[in-house]
Amino acid sequence: MARQAKEKRKYTTITIPTLLYESISKRIEKTGFSSVSDYATYVLRETTAELNAAEGSRSKSDSEIMRKLKALGYM
């Protein structure tokens, strides 16, 4: 079953400067990451999750401000 899930995944290629690749490669030598691609995927997922959470918080804050302004008769 895991094999089927892996086969269904789609990938694309991104390019990064060679010096960055080499730096990341050295950094992950003694970690659980098996490749620069694995590390990059992890970092991008974490960053995206943080940005999405921040956007969600901001949307909630904006909604709360709008609700308060309406309650005060400004809207």
Protein backbone atom coordinates (compact mmCIF):
# COMPACT_ATOMS: atom_id res chain seq x y z
CA MET A 1 0.00 0.00 0.00
CA ALA A 2 2.83 2.43 0.83
CA ARG A 3 4.31 1.69 -2.58
CA GLN A 4 1.07 2.64 -4.30
CA ALA A 5 0.90 5.93 -2.38
CA LYS A 6 4.48 6.70 -3.33
CA GLU A 7 3.82 5.95 -7.00
CA LYS A 8 0.87 8.37 -7.02
CA ARG A 9 2.97 11.27 -5.73
CA LYS A 10 4.02 13.76 -8.32
CA TYR A 11 7.24 15.71 -8.16
CA THR A 12 8.78 18.68 -9.87
CA THR A 13 12.26 20.09 -9.96
CA ILE A 14 13.44 23.35 -8.46
CA THR A 15 16.86 24.88 -8.89
CA ILE A 16 18.99 26.44 -6.21
CA PRO A 17 22.49 27.90 -6.36
CA THR A 18 25.25 25.30 -6.17
CA LEU A 19 26.81 26.95 -3.11
CA LEU A 20 23.50 26.71 -1.26
CA TYR A 21 23.16 23.06 -2.24
CA GLU A 22 26.65 22.33 -0.96
CA SER A 23 25.99 24.19 2.29
CA ILE A 24 22.78 22.28 2.91
CA SER A 25 24.47 19.01 1.99
CA LYS A 26 27.12 19.59 4.66
CA ARG A 27 24.52 20.68 7.21
CA ILE A 28 22.43 17.52 6.86
CA GLU A 29 25.30 15.01 7.02
CA LYS A 30 24.58 14.03 10.63
CA THR A 31 20.82 14.41 10.58
CA GLY A 32 17.89 12.20 9.64
CA PHE A 33 17.61 13.79 6.21
CA SER A 34 18.71 11.48 3.44
CA SER A 35 19.05 14.16 0.77
CA VAL A 36 19.00 17.86 0.11
CA SER A 37 15.60 17.35 -1.54
CA ASP A 38 14.20 15.81 1.67
CA TYR A 39 15.55 18.72 3.69
CA ALA A 40 14.22 21.32 1.25
CA THR A 41 10.80 19.65 1.26
CA TYR A 42 10.74 19.70 5.06
CA VAL A 43 11.76 23.36 5.27
CA LEU A 44 9.26 24.42 2.61
CA ARG A 45 6.42 22.50 4.29
CA GLU A 46 7.22 24.01 7.69
CA THR A 47 7.51 27.52 6.28
CA THR A 48 4.28 27.19 4.32
CA ALA A 49 2.45 25.85 7.37
CA GLU A 50 3.68 28.80 9.45
CA LEU A 51 2.63 31.29 6.78
CA ASN A 52 -0.79 29.66 6.46
CA ALA A 53 -1.26 29.77 10.23
CA ALA A 54 -0.26 33.44 10.31
CA GLU A 55 -2.68 34.24 7.49
CA GLY A 56 -5.45 32.40 9.33
CA SER A 57 -4.75 34.37 12.50
CA ARG A 58 -4.72 37.61 10.58
CA SER A 59 -8.02 36.76 8.90
CA LYS A 60 -9.57 36.01 12.27
CA SER A 61 -8.22 39.28 13.64
CA ASP A 62 -9.56 41.20 10.65
CA SER A 63 -12.96 39.57 11.08
CA GLU A 64 -12.98 40.44 14.77
CA ILE A 65 -12.09 44.07 14.02
CA MET A 66 -14.84 44.30 11.41
CA ARG A 67 -17.35 42.82 13.88
CA LYS A 68 -16.36 45.34 16.55
CA LEU A 69 -16.53 48.27 14.11
CA LYS A 70 -20.03 47.18 13.04
CA ALA A 71 -21.07 46.85 16.69
CA LEU A 72 -19.87 50.41 17.27
CA GLY A 73 -21.82 51.65 14.24
CA TYR A 74 -18.83 52.53 12.08
CA MET A 75 -19.83 50.14 9.33
